[in-house]
């Protein structure tokens, strides 16, 4: 699977992955996902898609099916800052001007682990 990076705005990076899983009897199956890193909102949106296509010629028009799932997570809820740091560098490389990492990453000393928490 190959990554494709696109600067969507000064502070937003889009990363796309797509994989052709194969073909059987004229039906092609693909899967892929998109991640949007919004450094102003301090969020990463992940969109996962699976789709099938069948091309049956111009007289039939073909058919397709799509399944999609979307999740939005705050940078505060990520278990590591490594991916955010790497994507920040990539956006800067592409000419973006996101806020500094000090502004978008949670304070490491006060960071709580992601997941459910119990209250005393």
Protein backbone atom coordinates (compact mmCIF):
# COMPACT_ATOMS: atom_id res chain seq x y z
CA UNK A 1 0.00 0.00 0.00
CA UNK A 2 1.40 3.37 -0.98
CA UNK A 3 0.94 6.65 0.87
CA UNK A 4 -0.04 9.83 -0.96
CA UNK A 5 0.38 13.16 0.87
CA UNK A 6 -1.58 16.30 0.01
CA UNK A 7 -1.54 19.71 1.65
CA UNK A 8 -5.24 20.58 2.03
CA UNK A 9 -4.62 23.92 3.68
CA UNK A 10 -1.91 25.75 5.58
CA UNK A 11 -2.58 23.64 8.69
CA UNK A 12 -4.16 20.44 7.31
CA UNK A 13 -2.50 17.39 5.75
CA UNK A 14 -4.33 14.58 3.94
CA UNK A 15 -2.76 11.12 3.75
CA UNK A 16 -4.35 8.55 1.41
CA UNK A 17 -3.72 4.80 1.22
CA UNK A 18 -5.34 2.50 -1.36
CA UNK A 19 -4.85 -1.18 -2.04
CA UNK A 20 -6.20 -3.35 -4.84
CA UNK A 21 -7.02 -6.63 -3.12
CA UNK A 22 -7.58 -8.49 -6.36
CA UNK A 23 -10.15 -9.50 -8.90
CA UNK A 24 -12.45 -12.50 -9.24
CA UNK A 25 -14.74 -13.14 -12.18
CA UNK A 26 -14.78 -9.45 -13.20
CA UNK A 27 -15.35 -8.11 -9.67
CA UNK A 28 -12.55 -5.96 -8.22
CA UNK A 29 -12.10 -5.38 -4.47
CA UNK A 30 -10.27 -2.37 -3.03
CA UNK A 31 -9.70 -1.01 0.43
CA UNK A 32 -8.07 2.14 1.67
CA UNK A 33 -8.19 4.91 4.14
CA UNK A 34 -7.65 8.62 4.45
CA UNK A 35 -6.24 10.44 7.45
CA UNK A 36 -6.72 14.18 7.84
CA UNK A 37 -4.39 15.86 10.31
CA UNK A 38 -5.88 19.22 11.29
CA UNK A 39 -3.23 20.98 13.35
CA UNK A 40 -5.46 23.98 14.19
CA UNK A 41 -8.22 21.77 15.61
CA UNK A 42 -5.62 19.33 17.04
CA UNK A 43 -7.56 16.39 15.57
CA UNK A 44 -6.97 13.47 13.27
CA UNK A 45 -9.90 12.17 11.22
CA UNK A 46 -9.62 8.63 9.84
CA UNK A 47 -11.91 7.42 7.05
CA UNK A 48 -11.70 3.72 6.16
CA UNK A 49 -13.35 2.48 2.94
CA UNK A 50 -13.93 -0.89 1.28
CA UNK A 51 -15.41 -1.02 -2.21
CA UNK A 52 -16.25 -3.49 -4.94
CA UNK A 53 -16.65 -2.70 -8.62
CA UNK A 54 -17.83 -4.73 -11.56
CA UNK A 55 -17.47 -3.33 -15.03
CA UNK A 56 -19.94 -5.01 -17.35
CA UNK A 57 -19.55 -2.90 -20.45
CA UNK A 58 -21.19 0.29 -21.60
CA UNK A 59 -24.63 -1.29 -22.15
CA UNK A 60 -24.93 -2.44 -18.51
CA UNK A 61 -23.22 0.51 -16.81
CA UNK A 62 -21.44 -1.67 -14.21
CA UNK A 63 -22.10 -1.88 -10.50
CA UNK A 64 -20.30 -0.86 -7.32
CA UNK A 65 -20.66 -1.07 -3.54
CA UNK A 66 -19.02 1.04 -0.85
CA UNK A 67 -18.62 0.64 2.90
CA UNK A 68 -17.18 3.47 4.99
CA UNK A 69 -16.30 4.19 8.64
CA UNK A 70 -15.14 7.54 10.05
CA UNK A 71 -13.55 8.39 13.41
CA UNK A 72 -12.28 11.67 14.84
CA UNK A 73 -9.72 11.75 17.65
CA UNK A 74 -8.12 14.59 19.54
CA UNK A 75 -4.33 14.66 19.63
CA UNK A 76 -4.78 14.45 23.44
CA UNK A 77 -6.32 10.98 23.09
CA UNK A 78 -3.57 9.42 20.96
CA UNK A 79 -1.29 6.94 22.73
CA UNK A 80 1.81 8.44 21.09
CA UNK A 81 2.80 11.74 19.53
CA UNK A 82 5.14 10.08 16.98
CA UNK A 83 2.68 10.06 14.06
CA UNK A 84 1.58 13.65 14.72
CA UNK A 85 5.23 14.75 14.79
CA UNK A 86 5.99 12.95 11.49
CA UNK A 87 2.89 14.34 9.75
CA UNK A 88 3.68 17.85 11.02
CA UNK A 89 7.13 17.60 9.40
CA UNK A 90 5.58 16.31 6.15
CA UNK A 91 3.10 19.21 6.03
CA UNK A 92 5.93 21.73 6.55
CA UNK A 93 7.91 19.95 3.79
CA UNK A 94 4.92 20.43 1.45
CA UNK A 95 4.78 24.16 2.20
CA UNK A 96 2.22 24.18 4.99
CA UNK A 97 2.44 26.52 7.95
CA UNK A 98 0.85 24.67 10.89
CA UNK A 99 1.21 25.87 14.48
CA UNK A 100 4.41 24.68 16.17
CA UNK A 101 4.52 21.23 17.76
CA UNK A 102 4.67 22.88 21.19
CA UNK A 103 1.28 24.43 20.43
CA UNK A 104 -0.44 21.29 19.13
CA UNK A 105 0.98 18.47 21.25
CA UNK A 106 -0.38 17.91 24.76
CA UNK A 107 1.96 18.60 27.66
CA UNK A 108 3.76 15.27 28.07
CA UNK A 109 4.08 15.59 31.86
CA UNK A 110 0.32 15.88 32.31
CA UNK A 111 -0.74 13.48 29.57
CA UNK A 112 -3.10 10.75 30.70
CA UNK A 113 -3.24 7.41 28.88
CA UNK A 114 -5.98 7.03 26.27
CA UNK A 115 -8.99 4.93 27.16
CA UNK A 116 -11.65 4.77 29.84
CA UNK A 117 -10.82 6.26 33.21
CA UNK A 118 -12.43 5.64 36.58
CA UNK A 119 -13.13 8.47 38.97
CA UNK A 120 -12.32 8.09 42.68
